[in-house]
Amino acid sequence: QEVDKALEKKASSPVYRGLKLNKSGGFGKKDNFFSQDEMQELLEYVEALIEDAASEILSGKIALNPFRQGNNTGLAFSDYKDIFYFDQQLPTNSYRDLPSLKKADLLALVEKRLRQRR
């Protein structure tokens, strides 16, 4: 059960959204966890995304399109903001809006996209 050291001090994790300890010291809802098969499918999907990103970079496509989910953006975590100068008003700069998905919807989307690749 060594998932997140922050859980030892608090009832919820700042790292894994939805991961909480209940009053008995166990984890909350089981639907917040992924099975080994689901993790394997997610890993396959992430590998496909990495391959796609590498292909685009090698072909010269390096568009500025950081993610945005609600008020959070990928720009908040970058040490290179001053170098790449993202301006949403420019037609070549745009955010990739990430939806908030339930586990079942995420897995369905991943499965659909993997099927399209095969």
PDB file of N, CA and C in Angstrom:
ATOM      1  N   GLN A   1       0.809  -1.197   0.000  1.00  0.00           N
ATOM      2  CA  GLN A   1       0.000   0.000   0.000  1.00  0.00           C
ATOM      3  C   GLN A   1       0.851   1.259   0.000  1.00  0.00           C
ATOM      4  N   GLU A   2       2.042   1.176  -0.523  1.00  0.00           N
ATOM      5  CA  GLU A   2       2.908   2.352  -0.564  1.00  0.00           C
ATOM      6  C   GLU A   2       2.614   3.135  -1.836  1.00  0.00           C
ATOM      7  N   VAL A   3       1.536   3.884  -1.827  1.00  0.00           N
ATOM      8  CA  VAL A   3       1.093   4.619  -3.003  1.00  0.00           C
ATOM      9  C   VAL A   3       1.565   6.061  -2.979  1.00  0.00           C
ATOM     10  N   ASP A   4       1.354   6.744  -1.897  1.00  0.00           N
ATOM     11  CA  ASP A   4       1.687   8.164  -1.802  1.00  0.00           C
ATOM     12  C   ASP A   4       1.971   8.478  -0.342  1.00  0.00           C
ATOM     13  N   LYS A   5       3.193   8.916  -0.046  1.00  0.00           N
ATOM     14  CA  LYS A   5       3.593   9.192   1.338  1.00  0.00           C
ATOM     15  C   LYS A   5       2.711  10.262   1.984  1.00  0.00           C
ATOM     16  N   ALA A   6       2.143  11.153   1.192  1.00  0.00           N
ATOM     17  CA  ALA A   6       1.282  12.202   1.745  1.00  0.00           C
ATOM     18  C   ALA A   6       0.033  11.619   2.391  1.00  0.00           C
ATOM     19  N   LEU A   7      -0.350  10.421   1.972  1.00  0.00           N
ATOM     20  CA  LEU A   7      -1.540   9.794   2.548  1.00  0.00           C
ATOM     21  C   LEU A   7      -1.334   9.421   4.012  1.00  0.00           C
ATOM     22  N   GLU A   8      -0.070   9.270   4.435  1.00  0.00           N
ATOM     23  CA  GLU A   8       0.192   8.913   5.824  1.00  0.00           C
ATOM     24  C   GLU A   8      -0.223  10.041   6.764  1.00  0.00           C
ATOM     25  N   LYS A   9      -0.170  11.275   6.289  1.00  0.00           N
ATOM     26  CA  LYS A   9      -0.461  12.431   7.132  1.00  0.00           C
ATOM     27  C   LYS A   9      -1.864  12.986   6.913  1.00  0.00           C
ATOM     28  N   LYS A  10      -2.417  12.784   5.715  1.00  0.00           N
ATOM     29  CA  LYS A  10      -3.730  13.340   5.383  1.00  0.00           C
ATOM     30  C   LYS A  10      -4.652  12.219   4.929  1.00  0.00           C
ATOM     31  N   ALA A  11      -5.890  12.551   4.750  1.00  0.00           N
ATOM     32  CA  ALA A  11      -6.857  11.557   4.289  1.00  0.00           C
ATOM     33  C   ALA A  11      -6.932  11.473   2.778  1.00  0.00           C
ATOM     34  N   SER A  12      -6.383  12.471   2.063  1.00  0.00           N
ATOM     35  CA  SER A  12      -6.424  12.433   0.599  1.00  0.00           C
ATOM     36  C   SER A  12      -5.054  12.784   0.040  1.00  0.00           C
ATOM     37  N   SER A  13      -4.854  12.441  -1.211  1.00  0.00           N
ATOM     38  CA  SER A  13      -3.564  12.630  -1.854  1.00  0.00           C
ATOM     39  C   SER A  13      -3.560  13.869  -2.737  1.00  0.00           C
ATOM     40  N   PRO A  14      -2.524  14.711  -2.636  1.00  0.00           N
ATOM     41  CA  PRO A  14      -2.411  15.845  -3.549  1.00  0.00           C
ATOM     42  C   PRO A  14      -1.891  15.412  -4.919  1.00  0.00           C
ATOM     43  N   VAL A  15      -1.378  14.186  -5.005  1.00  0.00           N
ATOM     44  CA  VAL A  15      -0.790  13.690  -6.251  1.00  0.00           C
ATOM     45  C   VAL A  15      -1.816  12.948  -7.095  1.00  0.00           C
ATOM     46  N   TYR A  16      -2.583  12.068  -6.482  1.00  0.00           N
ATOM     47  CA  TYR A  16      -3.545  11.241  -7.195  1.00  0.00           C
ATOM     48  C   TYR A  16      -4.959  11.678  -6.843  1.00  0.00           C
ATOM     49  N   ARG A  17      -5.594  12.365  -7.776  1.00  0.00           N
ATOM     50  CA  ARG A  17      -6.948  12.861  -7.536  1.00  0.00           C
ATOM     51  C   ARG A  17      -7.904  11.686  -7.330  1.00  0.00           C
ATOM     52  N   GLY A  18      -8.717  11.778  -6.315  1.00  0.00           N
ATOM     53  CA  GLY A  18      -9.701  10.734  -6.046  1.00  0.00           C
ATOM     54  C   GLY A  18      -9.196   9.635  -5.134  1.00  0.00           C
ATOM     55  N   LEU A  19      -7.914   9.653  -4.779  1.00  0.00           N
ATOM     56  CA  LEU A  19      -7.359   8.624  -3.910  1.00  0.00           C
ATOM     57  C   LEU A  19      -7.458   9.097  -2.467  1.00  0.00           C
ATOM     58  N   LYS A  20      -8.218   8.369  -1.672  1.00  0.00           N
ATOM     59  CA  LYS A  20      -8.453   8.785  -0.287  1.00  0.00           C
ATOM     60  C   LYS A  20      -8.404   7.580   0.634  1.00  0.00           C
ATOM     61  N   LEU A  21      -7.984   7.833   1.857  1.00  0.00           N
ATOM     62  CA  LEU A  21      -8.074   6.807   2.891  1.00  0.00           C
ATOM     63  C   LEU A  21      -9.396   6.988   3.620  1.00  0.00           C
ATOM     64  N   ASN A  22     -10.076   5.876   3.859  1.00  0.00           N
ATOM     65  CA  ASN A  22     -11.312   5.976   4.625  1.00  0.00           C
ATOM     66  C   ASN A  22     -11.004   5.882   6.119  1.00  0.00           C
ATOM     67  N   LYS A  23     -12.009   5.946   6.946  1.00  0.00           N
ATOM     68  CA  LYS A  23     -11.808   5.976   8.400  1.00  0.00           C
ATOM     69  C   LYS A  23     -11.116   4.730   8.925  1.00  0.00           C
ATOM     70  N   SER A  24     -11.310   3.607   8.266  1.00  0.00           N
ATOM     71  CA  SER A  24     -10.683   2.363   8.721  1.00  0.00           C
ATOM     72  C   SER A  24      -9.233   2.240   8.251  1.00  0.00           C
ATOM     73  N   GLY A  25      -8.750   3.222   7.486  1.00  0.00           N
ATOM     74  CA  GLY A  25      -7.364   3.199   7.018  1.00  0.00           C
ATOM     75  C   GLY A  25      -7.180   2.562   5.660  1.00  0.00           C
ATOM     76  N   GLY A  26      -8.257   2.058   5.068  1.00  0.00           N
ATOM     77  CA  GLY A  26      -8.189   1.478   3.727  1.00  0.00           C
ATOM     78  C   GLY A  26      -8.467   2.539   2.680  1.00  0.00           C
ATOM     79  N   PHE A  27      -8.377   2.136   1.440  1.00  0.00           N
ATOM     80  CA  PHE A  27      -8.648   3.074   0.362  1.00  0.00           C
ATOM     81  C   PHE A  27     -10.139   3.203   0.132  1.00  0.00           C
ATOM     82  N   GLY A  28     -10.520   4.348  -0.435  1.00  0.00           N
ATOM     83  CA  GLY A  28     -11.918   4.636  -0.735  1.00  0.00           C
ATOM     84  C   GLY A  28     -12.422   3.805  -1.900  1.00  0.00           C
ATOM     85  N   LYS A  29     -13.245   4.407  -2.730  1.00  0.00           N
ATOM     86  CA  LYS A  29     -13.903   3.717  -3.837  1.00  0.00           C
ATOM     87  C   LYS A  29     -12.909   2.962  -4.717  1.00  0.00           C
ATOM     88  N   LYS A  30     -13.238   1.728  -5.006  1.00  0.00           N
ATOM     89  CA  LYS A  30     -12.364   0.893  -5.842  1.00  0.00           C
ATOM     90  C   LYS A  30     -12.374   1.342  -7.298  1.00  0.00           C
ATOM     91  N   ASP A  31     -13.400   2.087  -7.713  1.00  0.00           N
ATOM     92  CA  ASP A  31     -13.455   2.516  -9.106  1.00  0.00           C
ATOM     93  C   ASP A  31     -12.406   3.579  -9.421  1.00  0.00           C
ATOM     94  N   ASN A  32     -11.675   4.049  -8.401  1.00  0.00           N
ATOM     95  CA  ASN A  32     -10.597   5.005  -8.646  1.00  0.00           C
ATOM     96  C   ASN A  32      -9.286   4.311  -9.000  1.00  0.00           C
ATOM     97  N   PHE A  33      -9.262   2.998  -8.945  1.00  0.00           N
ATOM     98  CA  PHE A  33      -8.058   2.241  -9.241  1.00  0.00           C
ATOM     99  C   PHE A  33      -8.168   1.592 -10.613  1.00  0.00           C
ATOM    100  N   PHE A  34      -7.018   1.266 -11.188  1.00  0.00           N
ATOM    101  CA  PHE A  34      -6.973   0.601 -12.485  1.00  0.00           C
ATOM    102  C   PHE A  34      -6.455  -0.815 -12.300  1.00  0.00           C
ATOM    103  N   SER A  35      -7.052  -1.749 -13.026  1.00  0.00           N
ATOM    104  CA  SER A  35      -6.574  -3.131 -12.991  1.00  0.00           C
ATOM    105  C   SER A  35      -5.266  -3.215 -13.777  1.00  0.00           C
ATOM    106  N   GLN A  36      -4.614  -4.351 -13.673  1.00  0.00           N
ATOM    107  CA  GLN A  36      -3.364  -4.538 -14.410  1.00  0.00           C
ATOM    108  C   GLN A  36      -3.616  -4.449 -15.920  1.00  0.00           C
ATOM    109  N   ASP A  37      -4.710  -5.020 -16.398  1.00  0.00           N
ATOM    110  CA  ASP A  37      -5.041  -4.948 -17.829  1.00  0.00           C
ATOM    111  C   ASP A  37      -5.321  -3.511 -18.262  1.00  0.00           C
ATOM    112  N   GLU A  38      -6.031  -2.766 -17.428  1.00  0.00           N
ATOM    113  CA  GLU A  38      -6.310  -1.362 -17.743  1.00  0.00           C
ATOM    114  C   GLU A  38      -5.020  -0.545 -17.771  1.00  0.00           C
ATOM    115  N   MET A  39      -4.124  -0.814 -16.830  1.00  0.00           N
ATOM    116  CA  MET A  39      -2.835  -0.113 -16.815  1.00  0.00           C
ATOM    117  C   MET A  39      -2.031  -0.444 -18.069  1.00  0.00           C
ATOM    118  N   GLN A  40      -2.084  -1.694 -18.506  1.00  0.00           N
ATOM    119  CA  GLN A  40      -1.367  -2.091 -19.719  1.00  0.00           C
ATOM    120  C   GLN A  40      -1.921  -1.343 -20.930  1.00  0.00           C
ATOM    121  N   GLU A  41      -3.234  -1.206 -21.003  1.00  0.00           N
ATOM    122  CA  GLU A  41      -3.858  -0.475 -22.108  1.00  0.00           C
ATOM    123  C   GLU A  41      -3.486   1.010 -22.057  1.00  0.00           C
ATOM    124  N   LEU A  42      -3.470   1.591 -20.868  1.00  0.00           N
ATOM    125  CA  LEU A  42      -3.053   2.990 -20.716  1.00  0.00           C
ATOM    126  C   LEU A  42      -1.598   3.171 -21.124  1.00  0.00           C
ATOM    127  N   LEU A  43      -0.748   2.225 -20.744  1.00  0.00           N
ATOM    128  CA  LEU A  43       0.664   2.288 -21.122  1.00  0.00           C
ATOM    129  C   LEU A  43       0.819   2.224 -22.639  1.00  0.00           C
ATOM    130  N   GLU A  44       0.083   1.342 -23.279  1.00  0.00           N
ATOM    131  CA  GLU A  44       0.121   1.239 -24.741  1.00  0.00           C
ATOM    132  C   GLU A  44      -0.310   2.557 -25.388  1.00  0.00           C
ATOM    133  N   TYR A  45      -1.324   3.183 -24.825  1.00  0.00           N
ATOM    134  CA  TYR A  45      -1.813   4.456 -25.352  1.00  0.00           C
ATOM    135  C   TYR A  45      -0.772   5.562 -25.179  1.00  0.00           C
ATOM    136  N   VAL A  46      -0.154   5.622 -24.010  1.00  0.00           N
ATOM    137  CA  VAL A  46       0.875   6.636 -23.763  1.00  0.00           C
ATOM    138  C   VAL A  46       2.057   6.430 -24.705  1.00  0.00           C
ATOM    139  N   GLU A  47       2.451   5.183 -24.926  1.00  0.00           N
ATOM    140  CA  GLU A  47       3.538   4.908 -25.871  1.00  0.00           C
ATOM    141  C   GLU A  47       3.172   5.384 -27.275  1.00  0.00           C
ATOM    142  N   ALA A  48       1.919   5.191 -27.669  1.00  0.00           N
ATOM    143  CA  ALA A  48       1.463   5.663 -28.981  1.00  0.00           C
ATOM    144  C   ALA A  48       1.515   7.185 -29.052  1.00  0.00           C
ATOM    145  N   LEU A  49       1.121   7.859 -27.971  1.00  0.00           N
ATOM    146  CA  LEU A  49       1.193   9.323 -27.941  1.00  0.00           C
ATOM    147  C   LEU A  49       2.635   9.804 -28.052  1.00  0.00           C
ATOM    148  N   ILE A  50       3.550   9.117 -27.392  1.00  0.00           N
ATOM    149  CA  ILE A  50       4.970   9.483 -27.462  1.00  0.00           C
ATOM    150  C   ILE A  50       5.491   9.293 -28.878  1.00  0.00           C
ATOM    151  N   GLU A  51       5.136   8.183 -29.514  1.00  0.00           N
ATOM    152  CA  GLU A  51       5.550   7.940 -30.902  1.00  0.00           C
ATOM    153  C   GLU A  51       5.014   9.033 -31.826  1.00  0.00           C
ATOM    154  N   ASP A  52       3.753   9.398 -31.648  1.00  0.00           N
ATOM    155  CA  ASP A  52       3.157  10.453 -32.473  1.00  0.00           C
ATOM    156  C   ASP A  52       3.872  11.784 -32.265  1.00  0.00           C
ATOM    157  N   ALA A  53       4.166  12.107 -31.007  1.00  0.00           N
ATOM    158  CA  ALA A  53       4.861  13.365 -30.705  1.00  0.00           C
ATOM    159  C   ALA A  53       6.256  13.366 -31.322  1.00  0.00           C
ATOM    160  N   ALA A  54       6.963  12.250 -31.224  1.00  0.00           N
ATOM    161  CA  ALA A  54       8.304  12.155 -31.803  1.00  0.00           C
ATOM    162  C   ALA A  54       8.250  12.330 -33.317  1.00  0.00           C
ATOM    163  N   SER A  55       7.284  11.710 -33.957  1.00  0.00           N
ATOM    164  CA  SER A  55       7.140  11.845 -35.415  1.00  0.00           C
ATOM    165  C   SER A  55       6.885  13.290 -35.809  1.00  0.00           C
ATOM    166  N   GLU A  56       6.024  13.956 -35.061  1.00  0.00           N
ATOM    167  CA  GLU A  56       5.733  15.358 -35.374  1.00  0.00           C
ATOM    168  C   GLU A  56       6.958  16.235 -35.175  1.00  0.00           C
ATOM    169  N   ILE A  57       7.691  16.012 -34.099  1.00  0.00           N
ATOM    170  CA  ILE A  57       8.897  16.801 -33.844  1.00  0.00           C
ATOM    171  C   ILE A  57       9.916  16.575 -34.950  1.00  0.00           C
ATOM    172  N   LEU A  58      10.123  15.318 -35.330  1.00  0.00           N
ATOM    173  CA  LEU A  58      11.093  15.005 -36.380  1.00  0.00           C
ATOM    174  C   LEU A  58      10.680  15.562 -37.739  1.00  0.00           C
ATOM    175  N   SER A  59       9.381  15.759 -37.944  1.00  0.00           N
ATOM    176  CA  SER A  59       8.923  16.335 -39.209  1.00  0.00           C
ATOM    177  C   SER A  59       8.865  17.862 -39.150  1.00  0.00           C
ATOM    178  N   GLY A  60       9.307  18.432 -38.026  1.00  0.00           N
ATOM    179  CA  GLY A  60       9.390  19.884 -37.918  1.00  0.00           C
ATOM    180  C   GLY A  60       8.191  20.561 -37.291  1.00  0.00           C
ATOM    181  N   LYS A  61       7.223  19.794 -36.850  1.00  0.00           N
ATOM    182  CA  LYS A  61       6.031  20.383 -36.227  1.00  0.00           C
ATOM    183  C   LYS A  61       6.293  20.563 -34.730  1.00  0.00           C
ATOM    184  N   ILE A  62       6.461  21.803 -34.327  1.00  0.00           N
ATOM    185  CA  ILE A  62       6.711  22.093 -32.912  1.00  0.00           C
ATOM    186  C   ILE A  62       5.783  23.215 -32.440  1.00  0.00           C
ATOM    187  N   ALA A  63       4.519  23.050 -32.713  1.00  0.00           N
ATOM    188  CA  ALA A  63       3.522  24.076 -32.366  1.00  0.00           C
ATOM    189  C   ALA A  63       3.445  24.268 -30.856  1.00  0.00           C
ATOM    190  N   LEU A  64       3.178  25.495 -30.472  1.00  0.00           N
ATOM    191  CA  LEU A  64       2.959  25.798 -29.062  1.00  0.00           C
ATOM    192  C   LEU A  64       1.490  25.566 -28.748  1.00  0.00           C
ATOM    193  N   ASN A  65       1.209  24.466 -28.102  1.00  0.00           N
ATOM    194  CA  ASN A  65      -0.173  24.184 -27.715  1.00  0.00           C
ATOM    195  C   ASN A  65      -0.195  23.438 -26.382  1.00  0.00           C
ATOM    196  N   PRO A  66       0.095  24.166 -25.299  1.00  0.00           N
ATOM    197  CA  PRO A  66       0.096  23.544 -23.978  1.00  0.00           C
ATOM    198  C   PRO A  66      -1.311  23.121 -23.565  1.00  0.00           C
ATOM    199  N   PHE A  67      -1.365  22.178 -22.637  1.00  0.00           N
ATOM    200  CA  PHE A  67      -2.680  21.736 -22.175  1.00  0.00           C
ATOM    201  C   PHE A  67      -3.309  22.785 -21.262  1.00  0.00           C
ATOM    202  N   ARG A  68      -4.629  22.708 -21.198  1.00  0.00           N
ATOM    203  CA  ARG A  68      -5.389  23.529 -20.256  1.00  0.00           C
ATOM    204  C   ARG A  68      -6.529  22.662 -19.723  1.00  0.00           C
ATOM    205  N   GLN A  69      -6.647  22.637 -18.416  1.00  0.00           N
ATOM    206  CA  GLN A  69      -7.754  21.920 -17.785  1.00  0.00           C
ATOM    207  C   GLN A  69      -8.299  22.833 -16.702  1.00  0.00           C
ATOM    208  N   GLY A  70      -9.435  23.421 -16.996  1.00  0.00           N
ATOM    209  CA  GLY A  70      -9.983  24.423 -16.088  1.00  0.00           C
ATOM    210  C   GLY A  70      -9.070  25.635 -16.075  1.00  0.00           C
ATOM    211  N   ASN A  71      -8.610  26.032 -14.905  1.00  0.00           N
ATOM    212  CA  ASN A  71      -7.698  27.171 -14.785  1.00  0.00           C
ATOM    213  C   ASN A  71      -6.233  26.759 -14.801  1.00  0.00           C
ATOM    214  N   ASN A  72      -5.953  25.469 -14.875  1.00  0.00           N
ATOM    215  CA  ASN A  72      -4.575  24.978 -14.875  1.00  0.00           C
ATOM    216  C   ASN A  72      -4.065  24.794 -16.296  1.00  0.00           C
ATOM    217  N   THR A  73      -2.816  25.184 -16.515  1.00  0.00           N
ATOM    218  CA  THR A  73      -2.197  24.983 -17.828  1.00  0.00           C
ATOM    219  C   THR A  73      -0.811  24.384 -17.659  1.00  0.00           C
ATOM    220  N   GLY A  74      -0.309  23.799 -18.739  1.00  0.00           N
ATOM    221  CA  GLY A  74       1.039  23.259 -18.735  1.00  0.00           C
ATOM    222  C   GLY A  74       2.095  24.331 -18.588  1.00  0.00           C
ATOM    223  N   LEU A  75       1.734  25.558 -18.844  1.00  0.00           N
ATOM    224  CA  LEU A  75       2.690  26.660 -18.742  1.00  0.00           C
ATOM    225  C   LEU A  75       3.136  26.899 -17.305  1.00  0.00           C
ATOM    226  N   ALA A  76       2.293  26.581 -16.363  1.00  0.00           N
ATOM    227  CA  ALA A  76       2.624  26.818 -14.954  1.00  0.00           C
ATOM    228  C   ALA A  76       3.797  25.965 -14.495  1.00  0.00           C
ATOM    229  N   PHE A  77       4.080  24.881 -15.202  1.00  0.00           N
ATOM    230  CA  PHE A  77       5.116  23.952 -14.780  1.00  0.00           C
ATOM    231  C   PHE A  77       6.393  24.057 -15.600  1.00  0.00           C
ATOM    232  N   SER A  78       6.478  25.016 -16.482  1.00  0.00           N
ATOM    233  CA  SER A  78       7.627  25.112 -17.378  1.00  0.00           C
ATOM    234  C   SER A  78       8.623  26.167 -16.924  1.00  0.00           C
ATOM    235  N   ASP A  79       9.899  25.810 -17.011  1.00  0.00           N
ATOM    236  CA  ASP A  79      10.976  26.760 -16.726  1.00  0.00           C
ATOM    237  C   ASP A  79      11.332  27.574 -17.968  1.00  0.00           C
ATOM    238  N   TYR A  80      10.660  27.315 -19.091  1.00  0.00           N
ATOM    239  CA  TYR A  80      11.044  27.924 -20.365  1.00  0.00           C
ATOM    240  C   TYR A  80      10.030  28.931 -20.889  1.00  0.00           C
ATOM    241  N   LYS A  81       9.171  29.436 -20.035  1.00  0.00           N
ATOM    242  CA  LYS A  81       8.123  30.374 -20.475  1.00  0.00           C
ATOM    243  C   LYS A  81       8.702  31.583 -21.204  1.00  0.00           C
ATOM    244  N   ASP A  82       9.810  32.095 -20.710  1.00  0.00           N
ATOM    245  CA  ASP A  82      10.409  33.285 -21.323  1.00  0.00           C
ATOM    246  C   ASP A  82      10.995  32.994 -22.697  1.00  0.00           C
ATOM    247  N   ILE A  83      11.334  31.759 -22.957  1.00  0.00           N
ATOM    248  CA  ILE A  83      11.940  31.401 -24.241  1.00  0.00           C
ATOM    249  C   ILE A  83      10.888  31.200 -25.322  1.00  0.00           C
ATOM    250  N   PHE A  84       9.854  30.434 -25.019  1.00  0.00           N
ATOM    251  CA  PHE A  84       8.907  30.111 -26.088  1.00  0.00           C
ATOM    252  C   PHE A  84       7.776  31.111 -26.231  1.00  0.00           C
ATOM    253  N   TYR A  85       7.575  32.005 -25.312  1.00  0.00           N
ATOM    254  CA  TYR A  85       6.591  33.075 -25.382  1.00  0.00           C
ATOM    255  C   TYR A  85       5.272  32.634 -26.028  1.00  0.00           C
ATOM    256  N   PHE A  86       4.422  32.094 -25.225  1.00  0.00           N
ATOM    257  CA  PHE A  86       3.103  31.664 -25.668  1.00  0.00           C
ATOM    258  C   PHE A  86       2.142  32.839 -25.605  1.00  0.00           C
ATOM    259  N   ASP A  87       1.477  33.116 -26.719  1.00  0.00           N
ATOM    260  CA  ASP A  87       0.470  34.177 -26.779  1.00  0.00           C
ATOM    261  C   ASP A  87      -0.772  33.592 -27.430  1.00  0.00           C
ATOM    262  N   GLN A  88      -1.811  33.423 -26.663  1.00  0.00           N
ATOM    263  CA  GLN A  88      -3.034  32.802 -27.162  1.00  0.00           C
ATOM    264  C   GLN A  88      -3.676  33.598 -28.294  1.00  0.00           C
ATOM    265  N   GLN A  89      -3.344  34.867 -28.428  1.00  0.00           N
ATOM    266  CA  GLN A  89      -3.917  35.690 -29.491  1.00  0.00           C
ATOM    267  C   GLN A  89      -3.328  35.352 -30.861  1.00  0.00           C
ATOM    268  N   LEU A  90      -2.153  34.731 -30.875  1.00  0.00           N
ATOM    269  CA  LEU A  90      -1.539  34.355 -32.150  1.00  0.00           C
ATOM    270  C   LEU A  90      -2.233  33.116 -32.704  1.00  0.00           C
ATOM    271  N   PRO A  91      -2.487  33.088 -34.005  1.00  0.00           N
ATOM    272  CA  PRO A  91      -3.199  31.940 -34.582  1.00  0.00           C
ATOM    273  C   PRO A  91      -2.420  30.630 -34.477  1.00  0.00           C
ATOM    274  N   THR A  92      -1.094  30.712 -34.334  1.00  0.00           N
ATOM    275  CA  THR A  92      -0.293  29.491 -34.232  1.00  0.00           C
ATOM    276  C   THR A  92      -0.184  28.974 -32.798  1.00  0.00           C
ATOM    277  N   ASN A  93      -0.672  29.738 -31.836  1.00  0.00           N
ATOM    278  CA  ASN A  93      -0.629  29.334 -30.422  1.00  0.00           C
ATOM    279  C   ASN A  93      -2.043  29.052 -29.931  1.00  0.00           C
ATOM    280  N   SER A  94      -2.261  27.867 -29.442  1.00  0.00           N
ATOM    281  CA  SER A  94      -3.580  27.547 -28.894  1.00  0.00           C
ATOM    282  C   SER A  94      -3.437  26.493 -27.803  1.00  0.00           C
ATOM    283  N   TYR A  95      -4.390  26.491 -26.894  1.00  0.00           N
ATOM    284  CA  TYR A  95      -4.400  25.493 -25.835  1.00  0.00           C
ATOM    285  C   TYR A  95      -5.037  24.201 -26.332  1.00  0.00           C
ATOM    286  N   ARG A  96      -4.615  23.096 -25.757  1.00  0.00           N
ATOM    287  CA  ARG A  96      -5.294  21.809 -25.931  1.00  0.00           C
ATOM    288  C   ARG A  96      -6.129  21.616 -24.674  1.00  0.00           C
ATOM    289  N   ASP A  97      -7.417  21.804 -24.787  1.00  0.00           N
ATOM    290  CA  ASP A  97      -8.292  21.677 -23.625  1.00  0.00           C
ATOM    291  C   ASP A  97      -8.493  20.205 -23.280  1.00  0.00           C
ATOM    292  N   LEU A  98      -8.165  19.862 -22.045  1.00  0.00           N
ATOM    293  CA  LEU A  98      -8.321  18.491 -21.570  1.00  0.00           C
ATOM    294  C   LEU A  98      -9.626  18.375 -20.800  1.00  0.00           C
ATOM    295  N   PRO A  99     -10.461  17.455 -21.209  1.00  0.00           N
ATOM    296  CA  PRO A  99     -11.715  17.278 -20.479  1.00  0.00           C
ATOM    297  C   PRO A  99     -11.467  16.528 -19.172  1.00  0.00           C
ATOM    298  N   SER A 100     -12.372  16.666 -18.256  1.00  0.00           N
ATOM    299  CA  SER A 100     -12.348  15.888 -17.022  1.00  0.00           C
ATOM    300  C   SER A 100     -13.213  14.666 -17.288  1.00  0.00           C
ATOM    301  N   LEU A 101     -12.604  13.492 -17.292  1.00  0.00           N
ATOM    302  CA  LEU A 101     -13.329  12.277 -17.648  1.00  0.00           C
ATOM    303  C   LEU A 101     -13.456  11.336 -16.463  1.00  0.00           C
ATOM    304  N   LYS A 102     -14.552  10.634 -16.432  1.00  0.00           N
ATOM    305  CA  LYS A 102     -14.696   9.547 -15.470  1.00  0.00           C
ATOM    306  C   LYS A 102     -13.849   8.384 -15.978  1.00  0.00           C
ATOM    307  N   LYS A 103     -13.512   7.495 -15.077  1.00  0.00           N
ATOM    308  CA  LYS A 103     -12.648   6.369 -15.425  1.00  0.00           C
ATOM    309  C   LYS A 103     -13.193   5.583 -16.619  1.00  0.00           C
ATOM    310  N   ALA A 104     -14.467   5.244 -16.611  1.00  0.00           N
ATOM    311  CA  ALA A 104     -15.063   4.456 -17.696  1.00  0.00           C
ATOM    312  C   ALA A 104     -14.980   5.199 -19.024  1.00  0.00           C
ATOM    313  N   ASP A 105     -15.201   6.511 -19.004  1.00  0.00           N
ATOM    314  CA  ASP A 105     -15.132   7.309 -20.230  1.00  0.00           C
ATOM    315  C   ASP A 105     -13.700   7.391 -20.748  1.00  0.00           C
ATOM    316  N   LEU A 106     -12.743   7.533 -19.833  1.00  0.00           N
ATOM    317  CA  LEU A 106     -11.335   7.566 -20.221  1.00  0.00           C
ATOM    318  C   LEU A 106     -10.930   6.255 -20.872  1.00  0.00           C
ATOM    319  N   LEU A 107     -11.280   5.143 -20.248  1.00  0.00           N
ATOM    320  CA  LEU A 107     -10.912   3.840 -20.800  1.00  0.00           C
ATOM    321  C   LEU A 107     -11.573   3.600 -22.155  1.00  0.00           C
ATOM    322  N   ALA A 108     -12.811   4.038 -22.322  1.00  0.00           N
ATOM    323  CA  ALA A 108     -13.496   3.894 -23.611  1.00  0.00           C
ATOM    324  C   ALA A 108     -12.798   4.722 -24.685  1.00  0.00           C
ATOM    325  N   LEU A 109     -12.386   5.932 -24.343  1.00  0.00           N
ATOM    326  CA  LEU A 109     -11.678   6.798 -25.285  1.00  0.00           C
ATOM    327  C   LEU A 109     -10.337   6.190 -25.676  1.00  0.00           C
ATOM    328  N   VAL A 110      -9.599   5.697 -24.704  1.00  0.00           N
ATOM    329  CA  VAL A 110      -8.297   5.076 -24.964  1.00  0.00           C
ATOM    330  C   VAL A 110      -8.470   3.861 -25.866  1.00  0.00           C
ATOM    331  N   GLU A 111      -9.440   3.017 -25.552  1.00  0.00           N
ATOM    332  CA  GLU A 111      -9.689   1.820 -26.352  1.00  0.00           C
ATOM    333  C   GLU A 111     -10.057   2.188 -27.788  1.00  0.00           C
ATOM    334  N   LYS A 112     -10.905   3.189 -27.958  1.00  0.00           N
ATOM    335  CA  LYS A 112     -11.319   3.632 -29.296  1.00  0.00           C
ATOM    336  C   LYS A 112     -10.117   4.131 -30.099  1.00  0.00           C
ATOM    337  N   ARG A 113      -9.287   4.954 -29.479  1.00  0.00           N
ATOM    338  CA  ARG A 113      -8.131   5.506 -30.189  1.00  0.00           C
ATOM    339  C   ARG A 113      -7.099   4.437 -30.516  1.00  0.00           C
ATOM    340  N   LEU A 114      -6.931   3.461 -29.635  1.00  0.00           N
ATOM    341  CA  LEU A 114      -6.006   2.369 -29.932  1.00  0.00           C
ATOM    342  C   LEU A 114      -6.532   1.514 -31.081  1.00  0.00           C
ATOM    343  N   ARG A 115      -7.848   1.272 -31.106  1.00  0.00           N
ATOM    344  CA  ARG A 115      -8.450   0.513 -32.212  1.00  0.00           C
ATOM    345  C   ARG A 115      -8.232   1.226 -33.540  1.00  0.00           C
ATOM    346  N   GLN A 116      -8.342   2.553 -33.542  1.00  0.00           N
ATOM    347  CA  GLN A 116      -8.153   3.332 -34.766  1.00  0.00           C
ATOM    348  C   GLN A 116      -6.716   3.237 -35.273  1.00  0.00           C
ATOM    349  N   ARG A 117      -5.766   3.080 -34.363  1.00  0.00           N
ATOM    350  CA  ARG A 117      -4.352   2.989 -34.738  1.00  0.00           C
ATOM    351  C   ARG A 117      -3.991   1.627 -35.309  1.00  0.00           C
ATOM    352  N   ARG A 118      -4.705   0.597 -34.890  1.00  0.00           N
ATOM    353  CA  ARG A 118      -4.334  -0.786 -35.268  1.00  0.00           C
ATOM    354  C   ARG A 118      -4.737  -1.115 -36.668  1.00  0.00           C
TER     355      ARG A 118
END
